[in-house]
Amino acid sequence: MKKLLFVFAIAGTLIACNNDADSTENKKDSIDSVANQKIDAIDSSAETRIDMIDSSAEKRIDMIDSTAEAKKDALDKKDNKKNRN
């Protein structure tokens, strides 16, 4: 009976150790998957920030252009009034 218990113990140990290699591969795949998800999240965040900065820059350029145009129109009106007199 002790011999049979000993054989089962050895067989159980070999089976447990054999599955350990698969577990290591699964852990590596899991770590790679998490790393890829984090990289994708960082890329997405960077793209979003770039879009926000570009949008903000475009709004500021439009505001500057409209202000410059308004100043030009005001100066033109002032010059027209002087020329009439």
C-alpha atoms as a PDB file:
ATOM      1  CA  MET A   1       0.000   0.000   0.000  1.00  0.00           C
ATOM      2  CA  LYS A   2       2.882   2.352   0.792  1.00  0.00           C
ATOM      3  CA  LYS A   3       4.436   1.581  -2.579  1.00  0.00           C
ATOM      4  CA  LEU A   4       1.204   2.457  -4.361  1.00  0.00           C
ATOM      5  CA  LEU A   5       0.936   5.733  -2.401  1.00  0.00           C
ATOM      6  CA  PHE A   6       4.569   6.485  -3.295  1.00  0.00           C
ATOM      7  CA  VAL A   7       3.885   5.857  -7.024  1.00  0.00           C
ATOM      8  CA  PHE A   8       0.838   8.142  -6.935  1.00  0.00           C
ATOM      9  CA  ALA A   9       2.867  10.837  -5.156  1.00  0.00           C
ATOM     10  CA  ILE A  10       5.614  10.688  -7.813  1.00  0.00           C
ATOM     11  CA  ALA A  11       3.056  10.674 -10.648  1.00  0.00           C
ATOM     12  CA  GLY A  12       1.250  13.632  -9.098  1.00  0.00           C
ATOM     13  CA  THR A  13       4.517  15.552  -8.773  1.00  0.00           C
ATOM     14  CA  LEU A  14       5.467  14.898 -12.388  1.00  0.00           C
ATOM     15  CA  ILE A  15       2.056  15.969 -13.612  1.00  0.00           C
ATOM     16  CA  ALA A  16       2.167  19.140 -11.507  1.00  0.00           C
ATOM     17  CA  CYS A  17       5.639  20.043 -12.765  1.00  0.00           C
ATOM     18  CA  ASN A  18       4.667  19.355 -16.365  1.00  0.00           C
ATOM     19  CA  ASN A  19       1.835  21.917 -16.197  1.00  0.00           C
ATOM     20  CA  ASP A  20       4.196  24.537 -14.772  1.00  0.00           C
ATOM     21  CA  ALA A  21       5.773  25.152 -18.198  1.00  0.00           C
ATOM     22  CA  ASP A  22       2.360  25.875 -19.683  1.00  0.00           C
ATOM     23  CA  SER A  23       1.610  28.217 -16.819  1.00  0.00           C
ATOM     24  CA  THR A  24       4.793  30.183 -17.502  1.00  0.00           C
ATOM     25  CA  GLU A  25       3.844  30.555 -21.153  1.00  0.00           C
ATOM     26  CA  ASN A  26       0.339  31.680 -20.173  1.00  0.00           C
ATOM     27  CA  LYS A  27       1.806  34.220 -17.754  1.00  0.00           C
ATOM     28  CA  LYS A  28       4.060  35.583 -20.503  1.00  0.00           C
ATOM     29  CA  ASP A  29       1.104  35.868 -22.881  1.00  0.00           C
ATOM     30  CA  SER A  30      -0.941  37.573 -20.182  1.00  0.00           C
ATOM     31  CA  ILE A  31       1.841  40.069 -19.449  1.00  0.00           C
ATOM     32  CA  ASP A  32       2.265  40.778 -23.167  1.00  0.00           C
ATOM     33  CA  SER A  33      -1.467  41.311 -23.512  1.00  0.00           C
ATOM     34  CA  VAL A  34      -1.569  43.751 -20.599  1.00  0.00           C
ATOM     35  CA  ALA A  35       1.464  45.592 -21.973  1.00  0.00           C
ATOM     36  CA  ASN A  36      -0.171  45.908 -25.393  1.00  0.00           C
ATOM     37  CA  GLN A  37      -3.368  47.229 -23.816  1.00  0.00           C
ATOM     38  CA  LYS A  38      -1.414  49.855 -21.900  1.00  0.00           C
ATOM     39  CA  ILE A  39       0.474  50.878 -25.043  1.00  0.00           C
ATOM     40  CA  ASP A  40      -2.810  51.218 -26.921  1.00  0.00           C
ATOM     41  CA  ALA A  41      -4.272  53.292 -24.081  1.00  0.00           C
ATOM     42  CA  ILE A  42      -1.245  55.597 -24.084  1.00  0.00           C
ATOM     43  CA  ASP A  43      -1.383  55.991 -27.869  1.00  0.00           C
ATOM     44  CA  SER A  44      -5.087  56.744 -27.742  1.00  0.00           C
ATOM     45  CA  SER A  45      -4.579  59.298 -24.984  1.00  0.00           C
ATOM     46  CA  ALA A  46      -1.757  60.954 -26.914  1.00  0.00           C
ATOM     47  CA  GLU A  47      -3.877  61.171 -30.060  1.00  0.00           C
ATOM     48  CA  THR A  48      -6.742  62.691 -28.093  1.00  0.00           C
ATOM     49  CA  ARG A  49      -4.471  65.315 -26.570  1.00  0.00           C
ATOM     50  CA  ILE A  50      -2.982  66.159 -29.960  1.00  0.00           C
ATOM     51  CA  ASP A  51      -6.485  66.614 -31.369  1.00  0.00           C
ATOM     52  CA  MET A  52      -7.417  68.862 -28.431  1.00  0.00           C
ATOM     53  CA  ILE A  53      -4.281  70.977 -28.880  1.00  0.00           C
ATOM     54  CA  ASP A  54      -4.857  71.280 -32.622  1.00  0.00           C
ATOM     55  CA  SER A  55      -8.470  72.286 -32.050  1.00  0.00           C
ATOM     56  CA  SER A  56      -7.451  74.880 -29.472  1.00  0.00           C
ATOM     57  CA  ALA A  57      -4.784  76.268 -31.798  1.00  0.00           C
ATOM     58  CA  GLU A  58      -7.287  76.539 -34.657  1.00  0.00           C
ATOM     59  CA  LYS A  59      -9.747  78.421 -32.438  1.00  0.00           C
ATOM     60  CA  ARG A  60      -7.040  80.847 -31.358  1.00  0.00           C
ATOM     61  CA  ILE A  61      -5.939  81.414 -34.943  1.00  0.00           C
ATOM     62  CA  ASP A  62      -9.545  82.090 -35.965  1.00  0.00           C
ATOM     63  CA  MET A  63      -9.944  84.516 -33.065  1.00  0.00           C
ATOM     64  CA  ILE A  64      -6.744  86.360 -33.991  1.00  0.00           C
ATOM     65  CA  ASP A  65      -7.782  86.510 -37.640  1.00  0.00           C
ATOM     66  CA  SER A  66     -11.221  87.880 -36.801  1.00  0.00           C
ATOM     67  CA  THR A  67      -9.716  90.445 -34.425  1.00  0.00           C
ATOM     68  CA  ALA A  68      -7.219  91.559 -37.053  1.00  0.00           C
ATOM     69  CA  GLU A  69      -9.984  91.803 -39.636  1.00  0.00           C
ATOM     70  CA  ALA A  70     -12.154  93.836 -37.272  1.00  0.00           C
ATOM     71  CA  LYS A  71      -9.244  96.223 -36.579  1.00  0.00           C
ATOM     72  CA  LYS A  72      -8.610  96.567 -40.300  1.00  0.00           C
ATOM     73  CA  ASP A  73     -12.285  97.337 -40.941  1.00  0.00           C
ATOM     74  CA  ALA A  74     -12.289  99.915 -38.145  1.00  0.00           C
ATOM     75  CA  LEU A  75      -9.208 101.615 -39.595  1.00  0.00           C
ATOM     76  CA  ASP A  76     -10.727 101.581 -43.073  1.00  0.00           C
ATOM     77  CA  LYS A  77     -13.919 103.239 -41.772  1.00  0.00           C
ATOM     78  CA  LYS A  78     -11.839 105.835 -39.962  1.00  0.00           C
ATOM     79  CA  ASP A  79      -9.851 106.571 -43.128  1.00  0.00           C
ATOM     80  CA  ASN A  80     -13.063 106.810 -45.185  1.00  0.00           C
ATOM     81  CA  LYS A  81     -14.502 109.370 -42.751  1.00  0.00           C
ATOM     82  CA  LYS A  82     -11.325 111.452 -42.998  1.00  0.00           C
ATOM     83  CA  ASN A  83     -11.365 111.316 -46.788  1.00  0.00           C
ATOM     84  CA  ARG A  84     -14.996 112.505 -46.897  1.00  0.00           C
ATOM     85  CA  ASN A  85     -14.219 115.576 -44.867  1.00  0.00           C
END
